[in-house]
Amino acid sequence: MDIPKNLPVLDAAQIRVLGALMEKSKTTPDYYPMTLNGLAAACNQKTSRKPVVQYD
């Protein structure tokens, strides 16, 4: 197996999506994998998020 020498650089939106997936997989495993609507809601959550965003 080849190991990449350089990891990809993620932008803020990609980091938010990855973080939401990681968080929800641990906190609500019965609802994981998530629907796209559920993922958007997780990313747009207003509590415990800085900055607050609004993704479609």
PDB file of N, CA and C in Angstrom:
ATOM      1  N   MET A   1       0.846  -1.176   0.000  1.00  0.00           N
ATOM      2  CA  MET A   1       0.000   0.000   0.000  1.00  0.00           C
ATOM      3  C   MET A   1       0.886   1.232   0.000  1.00  0.00           C
ATOM      4  N   ASP A   2       0.583   2.149  -0.903  1.00  0.00           N
ATOM      5  CA  ASP A   2       1.330   3.401  -0.964  1.00  0.00           C
ATOM      6  C   ASP A   2       0.818   4.363   0.094  1.00  0.00           C
ATOM      7  N   ILE A   3       1.727   5.002   0.784  1.00  0.00           N
ATOM      8  CA  ILE A   3       1.371   6.008   1.779  1.00  0.00           C
ATOM      9  C   ILE A   3       1.612   7.373   1.159  1.00  0.00           C
ATOM     10  N   PRO A   4       0.560   8.219   1.122  1.00  0.00           N
ATOM     11  CA  PRO A   4       0.751   9.544   0.521  1.00  0.00           C
ATOM     12  C   PRO A   4       1.739  10.366   1.330  1.00  0.00           C
ATOM     13  N   LYS A   5       2.595  11.076   0.624  1.00  0.00           N
ATOM     14  CA  LYS A   5       3.596  11.899   1.302  1.00  0.00           C
ATOM     15  C   LYS A   5       3.006  13.228   1.747  1.00  0.00           C
ATOM     16  N   ASN A   6       2.042  13.727   0.994  1.00  0.00           N
ATOM     17  CA  ASN A   6       1.406  14.992   1.338  1.00  0.00           C
ATOM     18  C   ASN A   6      -0.084  14.763   1.507  1.00  0.00           C
ATOM     19  N   LEU A   7      -0.600  15.157   2.645  1.00  0.00           N
ATOM     20  CA  LEU A   7      -2.038  15.058   2.862  1.00  0.00           C
ATOM     21  C   LEU A   7      -2.721  16.234   2.186  1.00  0.00           C
ATOM     22  N   PRO A   8      -3.951  16.043   1.728  1.00  0.00           N
ATOM     23  CA  PRO A   8      -4.650  17.156   1.079  1.00  0.00           C
ATOM     24  C   PRO A   8      -4.964  18.255   2.093  1.00  0.00           C
ATOM     25  N   VAL A   9      -4.966  19.475   1.635  1.00  0.00           N
ATOM     26  CA  VAL A   9      -5.338  20.613   2.466  1.00  0.00           C
ATOM     27  C   VAL A   9      -6.837  20.822   2.297  1.00  0.00           C
ATOM     28  N   LEU A  10      -7.557  20.828   3.412  1.00  0.00           N
ATOM     29  CA  LEU A  10      -9.010  20.980   3.370  1.00  0.00           C
ATOM     30  C   LEU A  10      -9.391  22.430   3.615  1.00  0.00           C
ATOM     31  N   ASP A  11     -10.453  22.866   2.938  1.00  0.00           N
ATOM     32  CA  ASP A  11     -10.945  24.219   3.204  1.00  0.00           C
ATOM     33  C   ASP A  11     -11.916  24.173   4.388  1.00  0.00           C
ATOM     34  N   ALA A  12     -12.409  25.325   4.810  1.00  0.00           N
ATOM     35  CA  ALA A  12     -13.248  25.418   6.009  1.00  0.00           C
ATOM     36  C   ALA A  12     -14.524  24.590   5.890  1.00  0.00           C
ATOM     37  N   ALA A  13     -15.153  24.594   4.722  1.00  0.00           N
ATOM     38  CA  ALA A  13     -16.388  23.830   4.538  1.00  0.00           C
ATOM     39  C   ALA A  13     -16.115  22.332   4.628  1.00  0.00           C
ATOM     40  N   GLN A  14     -15.034  21.876   4.040  1.00  0.00           N
ATOM     41  CA  GLN A  14     -14.686  20.459   4.090  1.00  0.00           C
ATOM     42  C   GLN A  14     -14.370  20.022   5.517  1.00  0.00           C
ATOM     43  N   ILE A  15     -13.699  20.872   6.264  1.00  0.00           N
ATOM     44  CA  ILE A  15     -13.385  20.567   7.661  1.00  0.00           C
ATOM     45  C   ILE A  15     -14.670  20.481   8.479  1.00  0.00           C
ATOM     46  N   ARG A  16     -15.614  21.399   8.230  1.00  0.00           N
ATOM     47  CA  ARG A  16     -16.893  21.383   8.962  1.00  0.00           C
ATOM     48  C   ARG A  16     -17.647  20.092   8.681  1.00  0.00           C
ATOM     49  N   VAL A  17     -17.708  19.669   7.424  1.00  0.00           N
ATOM     50  CA  VAL A  17     -18.420  18.440   7.059  1.00  0.00           C
ATOM     51  C   VAL A  17     -17.747  17.232   7.701  1.00  0.00           C
ATOM     52  N   LEU A  18     -16.442  17.148   7.616  1.00  0.00           N
ATOM     53  CA  LEU A  18     -15.714  16.033   8.211  1.00  0.00           C
ATOM     54  C   LEU A  18     -15.927  15.999   9.722  1.00  0.00           C
ATOM     55  N   GLY A  19     -15.860  17.159  10.361  1.00  0.00           N
ATOM     56  CA  GLY A  19     -16.076  17.230  11.803  1.00  0.00           C
ATOM     57  C   GLY A  19     -17.483  16.811  12.195  1.00  0.00           C
ATOM     58  N   ALA A  20     -18.477  17.240  11.428  1.00  0.00           N
ATOM     59  CA  ALA A  20     -19.864  16.864  11.715  1.00  0.00           C
ATOM     60  C   ALA A  20     -20.049  15.355  11.571  1.00  0.00           C
ATOM     61  N   LEU A  21     -19.462  14.768  10.547  1.00  0.00           N
ATOM     62  CA  LEU A  21     -19.555  13.318  10.365  1.00  0.00           C
ATOM     63  C   LEU A  21     -18.906  12.572  11.522  1.00  0.00           C
ATOM     64  N   MET A  22     -17.745  13.033  11.945  1.00  0.00           N
ATOM     65  CA  MET A  22     -17.049  12.384  13.059  1.00  0.00           C
ATOM     66  C   MET A  22     -17.852  12.513  14.353  1.00  0.00           C
ATOM     67  N   GLU A  23     -18.348  13.716  14.626  1.00  0.00           N
ATOM     68  CA  GLU A  23     -19.109  13.943  15.857  1.00  0.00           C
ATOM     69  C   GLU A  23     -20.376  13.099  15.892  1.00  0.00           C
ATOM     70  N   LYS A  24     -21.140  13.135  14.825  1.00  0.00           N
ATOM     71  CA  LYS A  24     -22.421  12.432  14.811  1.00  0.00           C
ATOM     72  C   LYS A  24     -22.241  10.917  14.797  1.00  0.00           C
ATOM     73  N   SER A  25     -21.152  10.417  14.241  1.00  0.00           N
ATOM     74  CA  SER A  25     -20.921   8.971  14.262  1.00  0.00           C
ATOM     75  C   SER A  25     -20.699   8.477  15.686  1.00  0.00           C
ATOM     76  N   LYS A  26     -20.179   9.339  16.552  1.00  0.00           N
ATOM     77  CA  LYS A  26     -19.942   8.976  17.958  1.00  0.00           C
ATOM     78  C   LYS A  26     -21.145   9.278  18.843  1.00  0.00           C
ATOM     79  N   THR A  27     -21.820  10.420  18.612  1.00  0.00           N
ATOM     80  CA  THR A  27     -22.889  10.842  19.514  1.00  0.00           C
ATOM     81  C   THR A  27     -24.250  10.255  19.161  1.00  0.00           C
ATOM     82  N   THR A  28     -24.501   9.981  17.903  1.00  0.00           N
ATOM     83  CA  THR A  28     -25.793   9.417  17.482  1.00  0.00           C
ATOM     84  C   THR A  28     -25.570   8.288  16.472  1.00  0.00           C
ATOM     85  N   PRO A  29     -24.944   7.195  16.914  1.00  0.00           N
ATOM     86  CA  PRO A  29     -24.610   6.124  15.961  1.00  0.00           C
ATOM     87  C   PRO A  29     -25.827   5.450  15.327  1.00  0.00           C
ATOM     88  N   ASP A  30     -26.998   5.520  15.977  1.00  0.00           N
ATOM     89  CA  ASP A  30     -28.195   4.908  15.382  1.00  0.00           C
ATOM     90  C   ASP A  30     -28.648   5.627  14.123  1.00  0.00           C
ATOM     91  N   TYR A  31     -28.243   6.877  13.970  1.00  0.00           N
ATOM     92  CA  TYR A  31     -28.633   7.680  12.805  1.00  0.00           C
ATOM     93  C   TYR A  31     -27.486   7.836  11.814  1.00  0.00           C
ATOM     94  N   TYR A  32     -26.467   7.012  11.942  1.00  0.00           N
ATOM     95  CA  TYR A  32     -25.289   7.109  11.098  1.00  0.00           C
ATOM     96  C   TYR A  32     -25.237   5.865  10.238  1.00  0.00           C
ATOM     97  N   PRO A  33     -24.989   5.878   8.961  1.00  0.00           N
ATOM     98  CA  PRO A  33     -24.630   7.033   8.148  1.00  0.00           C
ATOM     99  C   PRO A  33     -25.808   7.990   8.014  1.00  0.00           C
ATOM    100  N   MET A  34     -25.480   9.245   7.817  1.00  0.00           N
ATOM    101  CA  MET A  34     -26.466  10.320   7.802  1.00  0.00           C
ATOM    102  C   MET A  34     -26.993  10.571   6.395  1.00  0.00           C
ATOM    103  N   THR A  35     -28.190  11.130   6.346  1.00  0.00           N
ATOM    104  CA  THR A  35     -28.719  11.614   5.073  1.00  0.00           C
ATOM    105  C   THR A  35     -28.051  12.954   4.767  1.00  0.00           C
ATOM    106  N   LEU A  36     -28.174  13.412   3.545  1.00  0.00           N
ATOM    107  CA  LEU A  36     -27.619  14.729   3.204  1.00  0.00           C
ATOM    108  C   LEU A  36     -28.311  15.837   3.991  1.00  0.00           C
ATOM    109  N   ASN A  37     -29.621  15.705   4.205  1.00  0.00           N
ATOM    110  CA  ASN A  37     -30.330  16.704   5.004  1.00  0.00           C
ATOM    111  C   ASN A  37     -29.832  16.699   6.442  1.00  0.00           C
ATOM    112  N   GLY A  38     -29.598  15.522   6.998  1.00  0.00           N
ATOM    113  CA  GLY A  38     -29.078  15.419   8.357  1.00  0.00           C
ATOM    114  C   GLY A  38     -27.682  15.996   8.473  1.00  0.00           C
ATOM    115  N   LEU A  39     -26.863  15.769   7.468  1.00  0.00           N
ATOM    116  CA  LEU A  39     -25.511  16.316   7.471  1.00  0.00           C
ATOM    117  C   LEU A  39     -25.535  17.831   7.362  1.00  0.00           C
ATOM    118  N   ALA A  40     -26.402  18.360   6.511  1.00  0.00           N
ATOM    119  CA  ALA A  40     -26.524  19.817   6.395  1.00  0.00           C
ATOM    120  C   ALA A  40     -26.983  20.416   7.716  1.00  0.00           C
ATOM    121  N   ALA A  41     -27.940  19.765   8.385  1.00  0.00           N
ATOM    122  CA  ALA A  41     -28.411  20.255   9.682  1.00  0.00           C
ATOM    123  C   ALA A  41     -27.292  20.221  10.714  1.00  0.00           C
ATOM    124  N   ALA A  42     -26.483  19.173  10.697  1.00  0.00           N
ATOM    125  CA  ALA A  42     -25.361  19.080  11.634  1.00  0.00           C
ATOM    126  C   ALA A  42     -24.344  20.183  11.381  1.00  0.00           C
ATOM    127  N   CYS A  43     -24.071  20.471  10.132  1.00  0.00           N
ATOM    128  CA  CYS A  43     -23.110  21.525   9.790  1.00  0.00           C
ATOM    129  C   CYS A  43     -23.650  22.908  10.132  1.00  0.00           C
ATOM    130  N   ASN A  44     -24.959  23.101  10.007  1.00  0.00           N
ATOM    131  CA  ASN A  44     -25.576  24.407  10.242  1.00  0.00           C
ATOM    132  C   ASN A  44     -26.005  24.617  11.692  1.00  0.00           C
ATOM    133  N   GLN A  45     -25.765  23.633  12.531  1.00  0.00           N
ATOM    134  CA  GLN A  45     -26.149  23.722  13.943  1.00  0.00           C
ATOM    135  C   GLN A  45     -25.602  25.008  14.559  1.00  0.00           C
ATOM    136  N   LYS A  46     -26.415  25.672  15.348  1.00  0.00           N
ATOM    137  CA  LYS A  46     -26.036  26.980  15.890  1.00  0.00           C
ATOM    138  C   LYS A  46     -25.361  26.893  17.255  1.00  0.00           C
ATOM    139  N   THR A  47     -25.572  25.802  17.995  1.00  0.00           N
ATOM    140  CA  THR A  47     -24.949  25.673  19.310  1.00  0.00           C
ATOM    141  C   THR A  47     -23.604  24.965  19.189  1.00  0.00           C
ATOM    142  N   SER A  48     -22.655  25.415  19.958  1.00  0.00           N
ATOM    143  CA  SER A  48     -21.309  24.826  20.006  1.00  0.00           C
ATOM    144  C   SER A  48     -20.608  24.847  18.654  1.00  0.00           C
ATOM    145  N   ARG A  49     -20.884  25.846  17.856  1.00  0.00           N
ATOM    146  CA  ARG A  49     -20.231  25.990  16.554  1.00  0.00           C
ATOM    147  C   ARG A  49     -19.702  27.402  16.407  1.00  0.00           C
ATOM    148  N   LYS A  50     -18.478  27.494  15.985  1.00  0.00           N
ATOM    149  CA  LYS A  50     -17.889  28.800  15.708  1.00  0.00           C
ATOM    150  C   LYS A  50     -16.987  28.635  14.502  1.00  0.00           C
ATOM    151  N   PRO A  51     -17.219  29.313  13.446  1.00  0.00           N
ATOM    152  CA  PRO A  51     -18.305  30.259  13.204  1.00  0.00           C
ATOM    153  C   PRO A  51     -19.594  29.519  12.861  1.00  0.00           C
ATOM    154  N   VAL A  52     -20.716  30.176  13.109  1.00  0.00           N
ATOM    155  CA  VAL A  52     -22.016  29.644  12.692  1.00  0.00           C
ATOM    156  C   VAL A  52     -22.117  29.849  11.186  1.00  0.00           C
ATOM    157  N   VAL A  53     -22.510  28.798  10.482  1.00  0.00           N
ATOM    158  CA  VAL A  53     -22.585  28.858   9.015  1.00  0.00           C
ATOM    159  C   VAL A  53     -23.976  28.447   8.558  1.00  0.00           C
ATOM    160  N   GLN A  54     -24.253  28.648   7.299  1.00  0.00           N
ATOM    161  CA  GLN A  54     -25.511  28.215   6.694  1.00  0.00           C
ATOM    162  C   GLN A  54     -25.194  27.606   5.333  1.00  0.00           C
ATOM    163  N   TYR A  55     -25.009  26.278   5.305  1.00  0.00           N
ATOM    164  CA  TYR A  55     -24.778  25.572   4.054  1.00  0.00           C
ATOM    165  C   TYR A  55     -26.108  25.072   3.519  1.00  0.00           C
ATOM    166  N   ASP A  56     -26.243  25.011   2.200  1.00  0.00           N
ATOM    167  CA  ASP A  56     -27.480  24.516   1.581  1.00  0.00           C
ATOM    168  C   ASP A  56     -27.435  23.023   1.444  1.00  0.00           C
TER     169      ASP A  56
END
